[in-house]
C-alpha cells in the first residue's frame, strides 16, 4: 500500500497516511464508488498521520454522500488535530463528533 490510502474490511474503511490536497482527490474518487454499496460504514482514522483541511473536506463529503444515498456513516479514532480543526471550522456537528470530542 502507498503511504496514504485505505483498506476496506467488511463495512469499515481504514484510512492511512496523510490526508492533504495531494492525496484527498484520489481517495475521494475511490470512496465515491465504494461508499454507497453498504447500508452502514465506519471510517477508522487511527492510521491517519497528518491532515489539513482537505481531510476534513473528505469526511464532510462522506457525510454528504451518506445523506444522498441513504446510508449511515460514523468516524472512529479521529486524531486530536483533526478533532480540533473540526471544532474550529464548525464541522464537529456535521461529522457528528459530539461534545465529548475535540
C-alpha atoms as a PDB file:
ATOM      1  CA  UNK A   1       0.000   0.000   0.000  1.00  0.00           C
ATOM      2  CA  UNK A   2       1.120   3.581  -0.621  1.00  0.00           C
ATOM      3  CA  UNK A   3       1.906   5.946   2.221  1.00  0.00           C
ATOM      4  CA  UNK A   4      -1.692   7.119   2.041  1.00  0.00           C
ATOM      5  CA  UNK A   5      -4.801   5.251   1.108  1.00  0.00           C
ATOM      6  CA  UNK A   6      -7.344   2.961   2.661  1.00  0.00           C
ATOM      7  CA  UNK A   7      -8.072  -0.635   3.447  1.00  0.00           C
ATOM      8  CA  UNK A   8     -11.605  -1.997   3.383  1.00  0.00           C
ATOM      9  CA  UNK A   9     -12.635  -4.635   5.899  1.00  0.00           C
ATOM     10  CA  UNK A  10     -16.328  -5.500   5.548  1.00  0.00           C
ATOM     11  CA  UNK A  11     -18.130  -2.206   6.177  1.00  0.00           C
ATOM     12  CA  UNK A  12     -15.126  -0.491   7.733  1.00  0.00           C
ATOM     13  CA  UNK A  13     -12.708   1.743   5.857  1.00  0.00           C
ATOM     14  CA  UNK A  14      -9.337   2.319   7.497  1.00  0.00           C
ATOM     15  CA  UNK A  15      -7.724   5.489   6.184  1.00  0.00           C
ATOM     16  CA  UNK A  16      -3.937   5.638   6.366  1.00  0.00           C
ATOM     17  CA  UNK A  17      -1.205   8.189   5.859  1.00  0.00           C
ATOM     18  CA  UNK A  18      -1.548  11.877   5.142  1.00  0.00           C
ATOM     19  CA  UNK A  19      -4.858  13.442   4.159  1.00  0.00           C
ATOM     20  CA  UNK A  20      -3.885  16.535   2.214  1.00  0.00           C
ATOM     21  CA  UNK A  21      -4.553  18.376  -1.029  1.00  0.00           C
ATOM     22  CA  UNK A  22      -2.384  15.862  -2.893  1.00  0.00           C
ATOM     23  CA  UNK A  23      -3.873  12.613  -1.564  1.00  0.00           C
ATOM     24  CA  UNK A  24      -7.518  13.510  -0.969  1.00  0.00           C
ATOM     25  CA  UNK A  25      -8.729  13.879  -4.599  1.00  0.00           C
ATOM     26  CA  UNK A  26      -7.740  10.298  -5.425  1.00  0.00           C
ATOM     27  CA  UNK A  27      -9.193   8.952  -2.175  1.00  0.00           C
ATOM     28  CA  UNK A  28     -12.408  10.854  -2.812  1.00  0.00           C
ATOM     29  CA  UNK A  29     -12.794   9.272  -6.267  1.00  0.00           C
ATOM     30  CA  UNK A  30     -12.268   5.797  -4.826  1.00  0.00           C
ATOM     31  CA  UNK A  31     -14.614   6.335  -1.892  1.00  0.00           C
ATOM     32  CA  UNK A  32     -17.386   7.738  -4.109  1.00  0.00           C
ATOM     33  CA  UNK A  33     -17.502   4.377  -5.885  1.00  0.00           C
ATOM     34  CA  UNK A  34     -17.354   2.349  -2.688  1.00  0.00           C
ATOM     35  CA  UNK A  35     -19.458   4.065  -0.044  1.00  0.00           C
ATOM     36  CA  UNK A  36     -22.969   3.638  -1.489  1.00  0.00           C
ATOM     37  CA  UNK A  37     -22.566  -0.163  -1.558  1.00  0.00           C
ATOM     38  CA  UNK A  38     -23.391  -0.870   2.124  1.00  0.00           C
ATOM     39  CA  UNK A  39     -26.165   0.402   4.458  1.00  0.00           C
ATOM     40  CA  UNK A  40     -23.655   1.454   7.157  1.00  0.00           C
ATOM     41  CA  UNK A  41     -19.998   2.439   7.140  1.00  0.00           C
ATOM     42  CA  UNK A  42     -17.372   3.140   9.774  1.00  0.00           C
ATOM     43  CA  UNK A  43     -14.400   5.283   8.783  1.00  0.00           C
ATOM     44  CA  UNK A  44     -11.425   4.461  11.020  1.00  0.00           C
ATOM     45  CA  UNK A  45      -8.908   7.298  11.170  1.00  0.00           C
ATOM     46  CA  UNK A  46      -6.372   5.676  13.525  1.00  0.00           C
ATOM     47  CA  UNK A  47      -3.867   5.328  10.673  1.00  0.00           C
ATOM     48  CA  UNK A  48      -4.013   8.978   9.632  1.00  0.00           C
ATOM     49  CA  UNK A  49      -0.624  10.562  10.236  1.00  0.00           C
ATOM     50  CA  UNK A  50      -1.474  14.116   9.128  1.00  0.00           C
ATOM     51  CA  UNK A  51      -4.488  16.030   7.905  1.00  0.00           C
ATOM     52  CA  UNK A  52      -5.046  19.503   6.591  1.00  0.00           C
ATOM     53  CA  UNK A  53      -8.442  20.964   5.728  1.00  0.00           C
ATOM     54  CA  UNK A  54      -8.635  18.616   2.728  1.00  0.00           C
ATOM     55  CA  UNK A  55      -9.014  15.681   5.109  1.00  0.00           C
ATOM     56  CA  UNK A  56     -11.970  17.327   6.816  1.00  0.00           C
ATOM     57  CA  UNK A  57     -13.475  18.122   3.421  1.00  0.00           C
ATOM     58  CA  UNK A  58     -13.195  14.418   2.551  1.00  0.00           C
ATOM     59  CA  UNK A  59     -15.073  13.443   5.708  1.00  0.00           C
ATOM     60  CA  UNK A  60     -17.744  16.073   5.054  1.00  0.00           C
ATOM     61  CA  UNK A  61     -18.147  14.680   1.526  1.00  0.00           C
ATOM     62  CA  UNK A  62     -18.609  11.196   3.003  1.00  0.00           C
ATOM     63  CA  UNK A  63     -21.410  12.575   5.198  1.00  0.00           C
ATOM     64  CA  UNK A  64     -22.987  14.318   2.189  1.00  0.00           C
ATOM     65  CA  UNK A  65     -22.897  11.040   0.274  1.00  0.00           C
ATOM     66  CA  UNK A  66     -24.491   9.207   3.206  1.00  0.00           C
ATOM     67  CA  UNK A  67     -27.456  11.562   3.006  1.00  0.00           C
ATOM     68  CA  UNK A  68     -27.668  11.342  -0.783  1.00  0.00           C
ATOM     69  CA  UNK A  69     -27.502   7.537  -0.927  1.00  0.00           C
ATOM     70  CA  UNK A  70     -29.278   6.878   2.382  1.00  0.00           C
ATOM     71  CA  UNK A  71     -26.643   5.006   4.370  1.00  0.00           C
ATOM     72  CA  UNK A  72     -25.263   5.666   7.828  1.00  0.00           C
ATOM     73  CA  UNK A  73     -21.676   6.671   8.454  1.00  0.00           C
ATOM     74  CA  UNK A  74     -19.552   7.062  11.550  1.00  0.00           C
ATOM     75  CA  UNK A  75     -15.981   8.053  12.302  1.00  0.00           C
ATOM     76  CA  UNK A  76     -13.712   6.492  14.891  1.00  0.00           C
ATOM     77  CA  UNK A  77     -10.220   7.100  16.230  1.00  0.00           C
ATOM     78  CA  UNK A  78     -10.071  10.598  14.796  1.00  0.00           C
ATOM     79  CA  UNK A  79      -6.710  12.210  15.598  1.00  0.00           C
ATOM     80  CA  UNK A  80      -6.935  15.069  18.088  1.00  0.00           C
ATOM     81  CA  UNK A  81      -5.562  17.502  15.499  1.00  0.00           C
ATOM     82  CA  UNK A  82      -8.480  16.692  13.185  1.00  0.00           C
ATOM     83  CA  UNK A  83     -10.978  16.995  16.037  1.00  0.00           C
ATOM     84  CA  UNK A  84      -9.602  20.423  16.882  1.00  0.00           C
ATOM     85  CA  UNK A  85      -9.863  21.546  13.239  1.00  0.00           C
ATOM     86  CA  UNK A  86     -13.431  20.212  13.049  1.00  0.00           C
ATOM     87  CA  UNK A  87     -14.370  22.184  16.145  1.00  0.00           C
ATOM     88  CA  UNK A  88     -12.778  25.416  14.905  1.00  0.00           C
ATOM     89  CA  UNK A  89     -14.343  25.116  11.454  1.00  0.00           C
ATOM     90  CA  UNK A  90     -17.806  24.190  12.718  1.00  0.00           C
ATOM     91  CA  UNK A  91     -17.705  20.714  11.159  1.00  0.00           C
ATOM     92  CA  UNK A  92     -17.917  18.974  14.538  1.00  0.00           C
ATOM     93  CA  UNK A  93     -21.723  18.768  14.367  1.00  0.00           C
ATOM     94  CA  UNK A  94     -21.810  17.817  10.680  1.00  0.00           C
ATOM     95  CA  UNK A  95     -19.384  14.969  11.361  1.00  0.00           C
ATOM     96  CA  UNK A  96     -21.431  14.029  14.451  1.00  0.00           C
ATOM     97  CA  UNK A  97     -18.405  14.053  16.728  1.00  0.00           C
ATOM     98  CA  UNK A  98     -20.349  15.094  19.822  1.00  0.00           C
ATOM     99  CA  UNK A  99     -19.416  17.445  22.619  1.00  0.00           C
ATOM    100  CA  UNK A 100     -17.032  14.946  24.224  1.00  0.00           C
ATOM    101  CA  UNK A 101     -14.631  15.114  21.241  1.00  0.00           C
ATOM    102  CA  UNK A 102     -12.142  17.860  20.385  1.00  0.00           C
END
